[in-house]
Amino acid sequence: WAHHSGCTMCGYFNDSIPDITEKEIARQFELALQKYQGEKIVKIFTSGSFLDEREVPTVMQRKMLEKFFEKADKVIIESRPEFIENISKIEPIPKNKVLEVAMGLESANDRVLKHSINKGFTFSQWRDAAKGVIDRNMELKTYILVKPPFLTEAEAIKDALHSARKVSDISDTLSFNPVAIHANTLVEYLWSRKLYRPPWLWSVAEILEGAAEIFDGQIKCDVVAGGRRRGAHNCGKCDGAFLNAVERFTLHQEKNAFKKLKCGCREEWLDSLEVEGFIKG
């Protein structure tokens, strides 16, 4: 997708080499196995779609899963929805083992998917693929983007929580991903011209607290470049405390992690919720 069109915020293409052979992937896998110490949960992160045969040949998909499932209880893979049907090629999953499939939805709003993110699919297409995961008795992790471009701070909060509600019945885990500014992306173009600001950590806290009220499963949040200009941040003084709270919320599902956080920049954040739609940046 990145080479055909690409999502507005995604910088994976900067670090991915397109012409990797099966032999080279096998060698990378062998090196990874040398570091594997029998951890019970393994995530295979390919910066793309594990089930896309152009990225990881089916033979290697099977080999990786078979090897990790010898000791791991759970393996996590990522995929775009159009490749979910390829799961049939790696079945069956060993008895008493769990395969979790993580799919980036980003937003349940088709206008946001098309015009803000350029995701390349609709919510109904994503949901059909998600049902394919659940029908196979596999677990589903849903990625939701926090503050896609062209949305105000207030709109971004509403969109994230709306998306959480729309997938709460089918997801085992929700993972909220605040936008970070990656090189050579449309988001960087907007940011460099003061037409976009990464989300406030106040907004991240608001979304996580709101999601906990409507979703009973695991809720996670990975703040890339948190506290920096290119990532979700507040004023700088309170960023560390907020990031620690996000970590506690994610690792321990500590729903009250943000309750005692205070900072003078809260007023500026509240102002931005009211006026951002009337100004640039």
C-alpha atoms as a PDB file:
ATOM      1  CA  TRP A   1       0.000   0.000   0.000  1.00  0.00           C
ATOM      2  CA  ALA A   2       2.854   2.399   0.821  1.00  0.00           C
ATOM      3  CA  HIS A   3       4.249   2.078  -2.710  1.00  0.00           C
ATOM      4  CA  HIS A   4       0.822   2.389  -4.357  1.00  0.00           C
ATOM      5  CA  SER A   5      -0.425   5.376  -2.361  1.00  0.00           C
ATOM      6  CA  GLY A   6       0.303   5.221   1.361  1.00  0.00           C
ATOM      7  CA  CYS A   7      -1.198   6.478   4.598  1.00  0.00           C
ATOM      8  CA  THR A   8      -0.680  10.146   5.411  1.00  0.00           C
ATOM      9  CA  MET A   9       1.146   9.570   8.712  1.00  0.00           C
ATOM     10  CA  CYS A  10       3.063   6.358   8.018  1.00  0.00           C
ATOM     11  CA  GLY A  11       6.844   6.412   7.661  1.00  0.00           C
ATOM     12  CA  TYR A  12       7.485   2.659   7.525  1.00  0.00           C
ATOM     13  CA  PHE A  13       8.622   2.946   3.913  1.00  0.00           C
ATOM     14  CA  ASN A  14      11.626   4.980   5.087  1.00  0.00           C
ATOM     15  CA  ASP A  15      13.067   1.933   6.852  1.00  0.00           C
ATOM     16  CA  SER A  16      11.832  -0.936   4.685  1.00  0.00           C
ATOM     17  CA  ILE A  17      13.837  -2.513   1.879  1.00  0.00           C
ATOM     18  CA  PRO A  18      11.440  -3.715  -0.837  1.00  0.00           C
ATOM     19  CA  ASP A  19      13.526  -6.470  -2.423  1.00  0.00           C
ATOM     20  CA  ILE A  20      14.219  -8.918   0.399  1.00  0.00           C
ATOM     21  CA  THR A  21      14.535 -12.576  -0.586  1.00  0.00           C
ATOM     22  CA  GLU A  22      13.094 -15.536   1.287  1.00  0.00           C
ATOM     23  CA  LYS A  23      16.651 -16.600   2.087  1.00  0.00           C
ATOM     24  CA  GLU A  24      17.389 -13.217   3.685  1.00  0.00           C
ATOM     25  CA  ILE A  25      14.182 -13.378   5.740  1.00  0.00           C
ATOM     26  CA  ALA A  26      15.145 -16.877   6.882  1.00  0.00           C
ATOM     27  CA  ARG A  27      18.522 -15.543   8.002  1.00  0.00           C
ATOM     28  CA  GLN A  28      16.882 -12.708   9.954  1.00  0.00           C
ATOM     29  CA  PHE A  29      14.603 -15.254  11.594  1.00  0.00           C
ATOM     30  CA  GLU A  30      17.563 -17.425  12.602  1.00  0.00           C
ATOM     31  CA  LEU A  31      19.231 -14.415  14.227  1.00  0.00           C
ATOM     32  CA  ALA A  32      16.018 -13.577  16.086  1.00  0.00           C
ATOM     33  CA  LEU A  33      15.743 -17.147  17.371  1.00  0.00           C
ATOM     34  CA  GLN A  34      19.223 -16.864  18.865  1.00  0.00           C
ATOM     35  CA  LYS A  35      17.878 -14.102  21.132  1.00  0.00           C
ATOM     36  CA  TYR A  36      14.622 -15.881  21.960  1.00  0.00           C
ATOM     37  CA  GLN A  37      14.640 -17.203  25.519  1.00  0.00           C
ATOM     38  CA  GLY A  38      11.290 -18.933  25.637  1.00  0.00           C
ATOM     39  CA  GLU A  39       9.106 -15.903  26.367  1.00  0.00           C
ATOM     40  CA  LYS A  40       5.440 -16.902  26.481  1.00  0.00           C
ATOM     41  CA  ILE A  41       4.251 -14.025  24.279  1.00  0.00           C
ATOM     42  CA  VAL A  42       5.928 -13.244  20.956  1.00  0.00           C
ATOM     43  CA  LYS A  43       5.098 -10.395  18.586  1.00  0.00           C
ATOM     44  CA  ILE A  44       6.259 -10.680  14.989  1.00  0.00           C
ATOM     45  CA  PHE A  45       6.554  -7.074  13.836  1.00  0.00           C
ATOM     46  CA  THR A  46       7.152  -6.652  10.106  1.00  0.00           C
ATOM     47  CA  SER A  47       6.341  -2.936   9.678  1.00  0.00           C
ATOM     48  CA  GLY A  48       3.610  -4.099   7.343  1.00  0.00           C
ATOM     49  CA  SER A  49       1.402  -7.152   6.862  1.00  0.00           C
ATOM     50  CA  PHE A  50       2.728 -10.513   8.034  1.00  0.00           C
ATOM     51  CA  LEU A  51       0.056 -12.273   5.951  1.00  0.00           C
ATOM     52  CA  ASP A  52       1.082 -10.490   2.740  1.00  0.00           C
ATOM     53  CA  GLU A  53       3.017 -13.125   0.777  1.00  0.00           C
ATOM     54  CA  ARG A  54       5.005 -10.375  -0.939  1.00  0.00           C
ATOM     55  CA  GLU A  55       6.428  -9.383   2.443  1.00  0.00           C
ATOM     56  CA  VAL A  56       6.731 -12.766   4.135  1.00  0.00           C
ATOM     57  CA  PRO A  57       6.380 -15.888   1.947  1.00  0.00           C
ATOM     58  CA  THR A  58       3.815 -18.395   3.199  1.00  0.00           C
ATOM     59  CA  VAL A  59       6.514 -20.996   3.832  1.00  0.00           C
ATOM     60  CA  MET A  60       8.280 -18.581   6.188  1.00  0.00           C
ATOM     61  CA  GLN A  61       5.004 -17.603   7.860  1.00  0.00           C
ATOM     62  CA  ARG A  62       4.371 -21.249   8.742  1.00  0.00           C
ATOM     63  CA  LYS A  63       7.951 -21.828   9.832  1.00  0.00           C
ATOM     64  CA  MET A  64       7.973 -18.814  12.170  1.00  0.00           C
ATOM     65  CA  LEU A  65       4.675 -19.714  13.808  1.00  0.00           C
ATOM     66  CA  GLU A  66       5.565 -23.380  14.209  1.00  0.00           C
ATOM     67  CA  LYS A  67       8.898 -22.535  15.812  1.00  0.00           C
ATOM     68  CA  PHE A  68       7.598 -19.904  18.229  1.00  0.00           C
ATOM     69  CA  PHE A  69       4.561 -21.973  19.200  1.00  0.00           C
ATOM     70  CA  GLU A  70       6.918 -24.685  20.460  1.00  0.00           C
ATOM     71  CA  LYS A  71       7.435 -22.555  23.595  1.00  0.00           C
ATOM     72  CA  ALA A  72       5.195 -19.499  23.330  1.00  0.00           C
ATOM     73  CA  ASP A  73       1.554 -19.562  24.396  1.00  0.00           C
ATOM     74  CA  LYS A  74       0.635 -16.571  22.259  1.00  0.00           C
ATOM     75  CA  VAL A  75       1.967 -15.113  19.018  1.00  0.00           C
ATOM     76  CA  ILE A  76       0.910 -11.695  17.720  1.00  0.00           C
ATOM     77  CA  ILE A  77       1.012 -10.761  14.051  1.00  0.00           C
ATOM     78  CA  GLU A  78      -0.102  -7.659  12.149  1.00  0.00           C
ATOM     79  CA  SER A  79      -1.983  -7.417   8.882  1.00  0.00           C
ATOM     80  CA  ARG A  80      -4.081  -5.153   6.722  1.00  0.00           C
ATOM     81  CA  PRO A  81      -7.634  -6.477   6.242  1.00  0.00           C
ATOM     82  CA  GLU A  82      -7.197  -7.462   2.593  1.00  0.00           C
ATOM     83  CA  PHE A  83      -4.771 -10.216   3.582  1.00  0.00           C
ATOM     84  CA  ILE A  84      -6.834 -11.804   6.358  1.00  0.00           C
ATOM     85  CA  GLU A  85      -8.151 -14.497   4.024  1.00  0.00           C
ATOM     86  CA  ASN A  86      -4.559 -15.787   3.835  1.00  0.00           C
ATOM     87  CA  ILE A  87      -4.894 -17.019   7.423  1.00  0.00           C
ATOM     88  CA  SER A  88      -6.264 -20.246   5.959  1.00  0.00           C
ATOM     89  CA  LYS A  89      -2.782 -20.960   4.596  1.00  0.00           C
ATOM     90  CA  ILE A  90      -1.206 -20.995   8.071  1.00  0.00           C
ATOM     91  CA  GLU A  91      -3.939 -22.927   9.840  1.00  0.00           C
ATOM     92  CA  PRO A  92      -4.428 -24.857  12.005  1.00  0.00           C
ATOM     93  CA  ILE A  93      -3.069 -23.105  15.075  1.00  0.00           C
ATOM     94  CA  PRO A  94      -1.821 -25.601  17.693  1.00  0.00           C
ATOM     95  CA  LYS A  95      -4.306 -26.570  20.387  1.00  0.00           C
ATOM     96  CA  ASN A  96      -4.232 -24.391  23.521  1.00  0.00           C
ATOM     97  CA  LYS A  97      -2.214 -21.741  21.670  1.00  0.00           C
ATOM     98  CA  VAL A  98      -3.389 -18.222  20.792  1.00  0.00           C
ATOM     99  CA  LEU A  99      -2.806 -16.292  17.592  1.00  0.00           C
ATOM    100  CA  GLU A 100      -3.622 -12.603  17.968  1.00  0.00           C
ATOM    101  CA  VAL A 101      -4.122 -10.631  14.775  1.00  0.00           C
ATOM    102  CA  ALA A 102      -3.578  -6.874  15.045  1.00  0.00           C
ATOM    103  CA  MET A 103      -5.281  -4.755  12.396  1.00  0.00           C
ATOM    104  CA  GLY A 104      -5.016  -1.029  11.966  1.00  0.00           C
ATOM    105  CA  LEU A 105      -8.487   0.453  11.714  1.00  0.00           C
ATOM    106  CA  GLU A 106      -7.396   3.967  12.770  1.00  0.00           C
ATOM    107  CA  SER A 107     -10.948   5.356  12.512  1.00  0.00           C
ATOM    108  CA  ALA A 108     -14.465   3.978  12.127  1.00  0.00           C
ATOM    109  CA  ASN A 109     -15.415   7.087  10.132  1.00  0.00           C
ATOM    110  CA  ASP A 110     -15.135   6.457   6.388  1.00  0.00           C
ATOM    111  CA  ARG A 111     -14.538  10.147   5.644  1.00  0.00           C
ATOM    112  CA  VAL A 112     -11.584  10.179   8.032  1.00  0.00           C
ATOM    113  CA  LEU A 113     -10.277   6.908   6.594  1.00  0.00           C
ATOM    114  CA  LYS A 114     -10.399   8.280   3.059  1.00  0.00           C
ATOM    115  CA  HIS A 115      -9.537  11.957   3.343  1.00  0.00           C
ATOM    116  CA  SER A 116      -7.452  12.239   6.537  1.00  0.00           C
ATOM    117  CA  ILE A 117      -5.584   8.933   6.517  1.00  0.00           C
ATOM    118  CA  ASN A 118      -5.870   7.542   2.976  1.00  0.00           C
ATOM    119  CA  LYS A 119      -6.174   4.079   4.501  1.00  0.00           C
ATOM    120  CA  GLY A 120      -7.376   2.335   1.369  1.00  0.00           C
ATOM    121  CA  PHE A 121     -10.418   0.560   2.812  1.00  0.00           C
ATOM    122  CA  THR A 122     -13.763   1.316   4.435  1.00  0.00           C
ATOM    123  CA  PHE A 123     -14.949   0.523   7.941  1.00  0.00           C
ATOM    124  CA  SER A 124     -17.286  -2.187   6.646  1.00  0.00           C
ATOM    125  CA  GLN A 125     -14.402  -3.850   4.781  1.00  0.00           C
ATOM    126  CA  TRP A 126     -12.305  -3.759   7.935  1.00  0.00           C
ATOM    127  CA  ARG A 127     -15.151  -5.209   9.991  1.00  0.00           C
ATOM    128  CA  ASP A 128     -15.679  -8.068   7.528  1.00  0.00           C
ATOM    129  CA  ALA A 129     -11.995  -8.962   7.892  1.00  0.00           C
ATOM    130  CA  ALA A 130     -12.218  -8.636  11.673  1.00  0.00           C
ATOM    131  CA  LYS A 131     -15.135 -11.067  11.687  1.00  0.00           C
ATOM    132  CA  GLY A 132     -12.945 -13.485   9.741  1.00  0.00           C
ATOM    133  CA  VAL A 133     -10.436 -13.375  12.599  1.00  0.00           C
ATOM    134  CA  ILE A 134     -13.024 -13.869  15.330  1.00  0.00           C
ATOM    135  CA  ASP A 135     -14.799 -16.681  13.461  1.00  0.00           C
ATOM    136  CA  ARG A 136     -11.522 -18.619  13.544  1.00  0.00           C
ATOM    137  CA  ASN A 137     -11.384 -18.292  17.354  1.00  0.00           C
ATOM    138  CA  MET A 138      -8.363 -16.025  17.136  1.00  0.00           C
ATOM    139  CA  GLU A 139      -7.914 -12.823  19.121  1.00  0.00           C
ATOM    140  CA  LEU A 140      -8.261  -9.389  17.553  1.00  0.00           C
ATOM    141  CA  LYS A 141      -6.303  -6.277  18.438  1.00  0.00           C
ATOM    142  CA  THR A 142      -7.609  -3.056  16.913  1.00  0.00           C
ATOM    143  CA  TYR A 143      -5.341  -0.060  16.336  1.00  0.00           C
ATOM    144  CA  ILE A 144      -7.015   3.352  16.607  1.00  0.00           C
ATOM    145  CA  LEU A 145      -5.209   6.523  15.532  1.00  0.00           C
ATOM    146  CA  VAL A 146      -5.215   9.531  17.827  1.00  0.00           C
ATOM    147  CA  LYS A 147      -5.539  12.805  15.904  1.00  0.00           C
ATOM    148  CA  PRO A 148      -5.421  12.071  12.186  1.00  0.00           C
ATOM    149  CA  PRO A 149      -4.521  15.136  10.100  1.00  0.00           C
ATOM    150  CA  PHE A 150      -7.254  17.647   9.260  1.00  0.00           C
ATOM    151  CA  LEU A 151      -9.085  16.928  12.528  1.00  0.00           C
ATOM    152  CA  THR A 152      -9.042  19.404  15.395  1.00  0.00           C
ATOM    153  CA  GLU A 153      -8.052  18.284  18.882  1.00  0.00           C
ATOM    154  CA  ALA A 154     -11.697  18.080  19.954  1.00  0.00           C
ATOM    155  CA  GLU A 155     -12.697  16.198  16.800  1.00  0.00           C
ATOM    156  CA  ALA A 156      -9.818  13.763  17.310  1.00  0.00           C
ATOM    157  CA  ILE A 157     -10.972  12.875  20.824  1.00  0.00           C
ATOM    158  CA  LYS A 158     -14.530  12.302  19.616  1.00  0.00           C
ATOM    159  CA  ASP A 159     -13.347  10.246  16.641  1.00  0.00           C
ATOM    160  CA  ALA A 160     -11.142   7.962  18.757  1.00  0.00           C
ATOM    161  CA  LEU A 161     -13.915   7.267  21.260  1.00  0.00           C
ATOM    162  CA  HIS A 162     -16.499   6.825  18.503  1.00  0.00           C
ATOM    163  CA  SER A 163     -14.198   4.282  16.863  1.00  0.00           C
ATOM    164  CA  ALA A 164     -13.719   2.457  20.166  1.00  0.00           C
ATOM    165  CA  ARG A 165     -17.481   2.132  20.573  1.00  0.00           C
ATOM    166  CA  LYS A 166     -17.908   0.807  17.031  1.00  0.00           C
ATOM    167  CA  VAL A 167     -15.414  -2.037  17.562  1.00  0.00           C
ATOM    168  CA  SER A 168     -15.924  -2.777  21.256  1.00  0.00           C
ATOM    169  CA  ASP A 169     -18.100  -5.794  20.475  1.00  0.00           C
ATOM    170  CA  ILE A 170     -15.543  -7.509  18.247  1.00  0.00           C
ATOM    171  CA  SER A 171     -12.125  -6.553  19.683  1.00  0.00           C
ATOM    172  CA  ASP A 172     -10.154  -8.289  22.418  1.00  0.00           C
ATOM    173  CA  THR A 173      -7.677  -5.418  22.709  1.00  0.00           C
ATOM    174  CA  LEU A 174      -7.774  -1.749  21.741  1.00  0.00           C
ATOM    175  CA  SER A 175      -4.468  -0.035  21.026  1.00  0.00           C
ATOM    176  CA  PHE A 176      -4.510   3.758  20.728  1.00  0.00           C
ATOM    177  CA  ASN A 177      -1.657   5.225  18.703  1.00  0.00           C
ATOM    178  CA  PRO A 178      -1.089   8.994  18.913  1.00  0.00           C
ATOM    179  CA  VAL A 179       0.268  10.384  15.661  1.00  0.00           C
ATOM    180  CA  ALA A 180       4.013  11.019  15.564  1.00  0.00           C
ATOM    181  CA  ILE A 181       5.709  13.071  12.854  1.00  0.00           C
ATOM    182  CA  HIS A 182       7.671  10.751  10.561  1.00  0.00           C
ATOM    183  CA  ALA A 183       9.933  11.961   7.786  1.00  0.00           C
ATOM    184  CA  ASN A 184       8.681  12.272   4.219  1.00  0.00           C
ATOM    185  CA  THR A 185       4.995  12.035   5.103  1.00  0.00           C
ATOM    186  CA  LEU A 186       2.059  14.335   4.454  1.00  0.00           C
ATOM    187  CA  VAL A 187       1.758  14.842   8.198  1.00  0.00           C
ATOM    188  CA  GLU A 188       5.351  16.107   8.310  1.00  0.00           C
ATOM    189  CA  TYR A 189       4.565  18.466   5.421  1.00  0.00           C
ATOM    190  CA  LEU A 190       1.641  19.928   7.375  1.00  0.00           C
ATOM    191  CA  TRP A 191       3.545  20.022  10.673  1.00  0.00           C
ATOM    192  CA  SER A 192       6.551  21.814   9.157  1.00  0.00           C
ATOM    193  CA  ARG A 193       4.173  24.546   7.953  1.00  0.00           C
ATOM    194  CA  LYS A 194       2.445  24.834  11.334  1.00  0.00           C
ATOM    195  CA  LEU A 195      -0.734  23.310   9.929  1.00  0.00           C
ATOM    196  CA  TYR A 196      -0.679  20.337  12.289  1.00  0.00           C
ATOM    197  CA  ARG A 197       0.209  19.734  15.927  1.00  0.00           C
ATOM    198  CA  PRO A 198       0.616  16.236  17.403  1.00  0.00           C
ATOM    199  CA  PRO A 199      -2.024  15.434  20.032  1.00  0.00           C
ATOM    200  CA  TRP A 200      -1.826  16.772  23.549  1.00  0.00           C
ATOM    201  CA  LEU A 201      -1.124  14.199  26.246  1.00  0.00           C
ATOM    202  CA  TRP A 202      -4.199  15.618  27.951  1.00  0.00           C
ATOM    203  CA  SER A 203      -6.164  14.335  24.954  1.00  0.00           C
ATOM    204  CA  VAL A 204      -4.505  10.930  25.162  1.00  0.00           C
ATOM    205  CA  ALA A 205      -5.508  10.705  28.829  1.00  0.00           C
ATOM    206  CA  GLU A 206      -9.067  11.781  27.997  1.00  0.00           C
ATOM    207  CA  ILE A 207      -9.338   9.083  25.333  1.00  0.00           C
ATOM    208  CA  LEU A 208      -7.907   6.295  27.491  1.00  0.00           C
ATOM    209  CA  GLU A 209     -10.178   7.165  30.404  1.00  0.00           C
ATOM    210  CA  GLY A 210     -13.175   7.343  28.090  1.00  0.00           C
ATOM    211  CA  ALA A 211     -12.321   4.051  26.417  1.00  0.00           C
ATOM    212  CA  ALA A 212     -12.094   2.320  29.793  1.00  0.00           C
ATOM    213  CA  GLU A 213     -15.723   3.254  30.421  1.00  0.00           C
ATOM    214  CA  ILE A 214     -17.003   1.671  27.211  1.00  0.00           C
ATOM    215  CA  PHE A 215     -14.651  -1.292  26.684  1.00  0.00           C
ATOM    216  CA  ASP A 216     -14.027  -4.220  29.019  1.00  0.00           C
ATOM    217  CA  GLY A 217     -10.998  -5.689  27.264  1.00  0.00           C
ATOM    218  CA  GLN A 218      -7.336  -4.716  27.342  1.00  0.00           C
ATOM    219  CA  ILE A 219      -6.536  -1.116  26.416  1.00  0.00           C
ATOM    220  CA  LYS A 220      -3.038  -0.169  25.322  1.00  0.00           C
ATOM    221  CA  CYS A 221      -1.297   2.981  24.170  1.00  0.00           C
ATOM    222  CA  ASP A 222       2.132   3.407  22.608  1.00  0.00           C
ATOM    223  CA  VAL A 223       3.241   7.049  22.532  1.00  0.00           C
ATOM    224  CA  VAL A 224       5.991   7.260  19.919  1.00  0.00           C
ATOM    225  CA  ALA A 225       8.264  10.285  20.459  1.00  0.00           C
ATOM    226  CA  GLY A 226       6.224  11.187  23.530  1.00  0.00           C
ATOM    227  CA  GLY A 227       7.173  14.489  25.132  1.00  0.00           C
ATOM    228  CA  ARG A 228       9.000  15.652  21.993  1.00  0.00           C
ATOM    229  CA  ARG A 229       7.956  18.141  19.334  1.00  0.00           C
ATOM    230  CA  ARG A 230       7.300  15.328  16.848  1.00  0.00           C
ATOM    231  CA  GLY A 231       5.168  13.280  19.239  1.00  0.00           C
ATOM    232  CA  ALA A 232       2.250  13.711  21.609  1.00  0.00           C
ATOM    233  CA  HIS A 233       3.220  16.299  24.215  1.00  0.00           C
ATOM    234  CA  ASN A 234       1.987  18.924  26.654  1.00  0.00           C
ATOM    235  CA  CYS A 235       4.017  21.882  27.877  1.00  0.00           C
ATOM    236  CA  GLY A 236       7.212  19.959  28.581  1.00  0.00           C
ATOM    237  CA  LYS A 237       7.045  20.268  32.364  1.00  0.00           C
ATOM    238  CA  CYS A 238       4.402  17.595  32.899  1.00  0.00           C
ATOM    239  CA  ASP A 239       5.152  15.321  29.947  1.00  0.00           C
ATOM    240  CA  GLY A 240       7.152  12.815  31.971  1.00  0.00           C
ATOM    241  CA  ALA A 241       4.381  12.378  34.522  1.00  0.00           C
ATOM    242  CA  PHE A 242       1.814  11.841  31.770  1.00  0.00           C
ATOM    243  CA  LEU A 243       3.975   9.323  29.930  1.00  0.00           C
ATOM    244  CA  ASN A 244       4.524   7.402  33.166  1.00  0.00           C
ATOM    245  CA  ALA A 245       0.763   7.370  33.695  1.00  0.00           C
ATOM    246  CA  VAL A 246       0.202   6.059  30.159  1.00  0.00           C
ATOM    247  CA  GLU A 247       2.699   3.282  30.843  1.00  0.00           C
ATOM    248  CA  ARG A 248       0.964   2.304  34.094  1.00  0.00           C
ATOM    249  CA  PHE A 249      -2.398   2.386  32.364  1.00  0.00           C
ATOM    250  CA  THR A 250      -1.105   0.126  29.584  1.00  0.00           C
ATOM    251  CA  LEU A 251       0.878  -2.359  31.661  1.00  0.00           C
ATOM    252  CA  HIS A 252      -1.427  -2.651  34.655  1.00  0.00           C
ATOM    253  CA  GLN A 253      -4.753  -1.386  33.261  1.00  0.00           C
ATOM    254  CA  GLU A 254      -4.627   1.232  36.021  1.00  0.00           C
ATOM    255  CA  LYS A 255      -7.773   3.188  35.167  1.00  0.00           C
ATOM    256  CA  ASN A 256      -7.082   5.911  37.738  1.00  0.00           C
ATOM    257  CA  ALA A 257      -3.564   6.573  36.437  1.00  0.00           C
ATOM    258  CA  PHE A 258      -4.403  10.122  35.316  1.00  0.00           C
ATOM    259  CA  LYS A 259      -6.626  11.261  38.191  1.00  0.00           C
ATOM    260  CA  LYS A 260      -3.993  13.142  40.185  1.00  0.00           C
ATOM    261  CA  LEU A 261      -2.192  14.771  37.256  1.00  0.00           C
ATOM    262  CA  LYS A 262      -2.254  18.558  37.284  1.00  0.00           C
ATOM    263  CA  CYS A 263      -0.491  21.268  35.320  1.00  0.00           C
ATOM    264  CA  GLY A 264      -1.095  24.860  34.315  1.00  0.00           C
ATOM    265  CA  CYS A 265      -1.054  23.853  30.646  1.00  0.00           C
ATOM    266  CA  ARG A 266      -4.455  22.223  31.086  1.00  0.00           C
ATOM    267  CA  GLU A 267      -6.061  25.616  30.478  1.00  0.00           C
ATOM    268  CA  GLU A 268      -4.178  25.995  27.205  1.00  0.00           C
ATOM    269  CA  TRP A 269      -5.336  22.509  26.188  1.00  0.00           C
ATOM    270  CA  LEU A 270      -8.944  23.374  27.038  1.00  0.00           C
ATOM    271  CA  ASP A 271      -8.623  26.559  24.992  1.00  0.00           C
ATOM    272  CA  SER A 272      -7.324  24.549  22.035  1.00  0.00           C
ATOM    273  CA  LEU A 273     -10.380  22.302  22.204  1.00  0.00           C
ATOM    274  CA  GLU A 274     -12.579  25.353  21.779  1.00  0.00           C
ATOM    275  CA  VAL A 275     -10.709  27.437  19.219  1.00  0.00           C
ATOM    276  CA  GLU A 276      -8.481  25.145  17.136  1.00  0.00           C
ATOM    277  CA  GLY A 277     -11.129  24.893  14.454  1.00  0.00           C
ATOM    278  CA  PHE A 278     -10.940  28.651  13.908  1.00  0.00           C
ATOM    279  CA  ILE A 279      -7.161  28.977  13.588  1.00  0.00           C
ATOM    280  CA  LYS A 280      -4.330  27.322  11.698  1.00  0.00           C
ATOM    281  CA  GLY A 281      -1.933  24.934  13.445  1.00  0.00           C
END
